[in-house]
Amino acid sequence: MKPRFTKRFDADYAAFPKAIQKKFDKQLQFLLNNLQHPSLRAKKYHETEDIWQARMDRHYRFYFTIKDDTYTILAIKRHTD
């Protein structure tokens, strides 16, 4: 699998501190190797638009779609409990 990043994601990523960027980078590697990796807790977020959500940590999530061999990374957001 390969990643593709949207402009929205690029802006989100740039706005977060380096520590959050580093967490995303680590989780992205897990995603590229195994969608089922336990730390991702990946799940369908929006069924009709086929958007997935994965965990970076307790407070942050990233959102993506899957088409063919590409994960399109849409955004990073702070997760509200």
Protein backbone atom coordinates (compact mmCIF):
# COMPACT_ATOMS: atom_id res chain seq x y z
CA MET A 1 0.00 0.00 0.00
CA LYS A 2 1.06 3.56 -0.54
CA PRO A 3 -0.03 6.86 0.99
CA ARG A 4 -1.41 9.95 -0.72
CA PHE A 5 -1.94 13.17 1.22
CA THR A 6 -4.59 15.84 0.69
CA LYS A 7 -3.93 19.57 1.00
CA ARG A 8 -6.11 19.57 4.09
CA PHE A 9 -3.93 16.89 5.66
CA ASP A 10 -0.76 18.80 4.75
CA ALA A 11 -2.12 21.89 6.51
CA ASP A 12 -3.20 19.87 9.57
CA TYR A 13 0.16 18.14 9.80
CA ALA A 14 2.12 21.39 9.51
CA ALA A 15 0.02 23.01 12.26
CA PHE A 16 0.72 20.31 14.85
CA PRO A 17 3.86 20.23 17.03
CA LYS A 18 6.73 17.93 16.08
CA ALA A 19 5.74 15.40 18.78
CA ILE A 20 2.31 14.91 17.17
CA GLN A 21 3.86 14.74 13.70
CA LYS A 22 6.22 12.03 14.95
CA LYS A 23 3.27 10.02 16.36
CA PHE A 24 1.49 10.28 13.01
CA ASP A 25 4.62 9.16 11.13
CA LYS A 26 4.89 6.09 13.34
CA GLN A 27 1.21 5.19 12.99
CA LEU A 28 1.37 5.70 9.22
CA GLN A 29 4.05 3.03 9.00
CA PHE A 30 1.82 0.65 10.95
CA LEU A 31 -1.07 1.46 8.59
CA LEU A 32 1.01 0.88 5.46
CA ASN A 33 2.11 -2.50 6.77
CA ASN A 34 -1.07 -3.70 8.47
CA LEU A 35 -4.49 -2.04 8.64
CA GLN A 36 -5.29 -4.39 11.52
CA HIS A 37 -2.36 -3.27 13.71
CA PRO A 38 -3.72 -3.12 17.29
CA SER A 39 -2.44 0.37 18.11
CA LEU A 40 -4.31 1.88 15.15
CA ARG A 41 -7.73 0.66 16.23
CA ALA A 42 -8.77 1.42 12.65
CA LYS A 43 -12.49 1.43 11.96
CA LYS A 44 -15.02 2.78 9.52
CA TYR A 45 -15.86 6.33 10.54
CA HIS A 46 -18.36 7.29 7.83
CA GLU A 47 -19.89 4.31 6.07
CA THR A 48 -21.52 6.08 3.11
CA GLU A 49 -18.41 8.09 2.23
CA ASP A 50 -16.11 5.14 2.98
CA ILE A 51 -13.98 7.16 5.42
CA TRP A 52 -11.87 5.36 7.99
CA GLN A 53 -10.49 6.56 11.31
CA ALA A 54 -7.30 5.43 13.05
CA ARG A 55 -5.77 6.32 16.36
CA MET A 56 -2.51 8.18 16.87
CA ASP A 57 -2.92 8.24 20.64
CA ARG A 58 -5.66 8.85 23.16
CA HIS A 59 -6.18 12.43 21.96
CA TYR A 60 -5.59 12.41 18.20
CA ARG A 61 -7.08 10.59 15.21
CA PHE A 62 -6.40 10.60 11.52
CA TYR A 63 -8.89 9.97 8.74
CA PHE A 64 -8.37 8.23 5.43
CA THR A 65 -9.96 6.42 2.52
CA ILE A 66 -8.83 3.23 0.85
CA LYS A 67 -8.90 2.77 -2.90
CA ASP A 68 -6.99 0.05 -4.70
CA ASP A 69 -3.45 0.12 -3.27
CA THR A 70 -3.63 3.69 -1.91
CA TYR A 71 -4.52 5.19 1.44
CA THR A 72 -5.60 8.79 0.92
CA ILE A 73 -4.91 10.57 4.20
CA LEU A 74 -7.57 13.25 4.65
CA ALA A 75 -6.99 14.95 8.00
CA ILE A 76 -5.66 14.82 11.55
CA LYS A 77 -7.97 15.96 14.33
CA ARG A 78 -7.93 16.22 18.07
CA HIS A 79 -10.29 13.61 19.47
CA THR A 80 -12.83 14.73 22.04
CA ASP A 81 -13.65 12.15 24.68
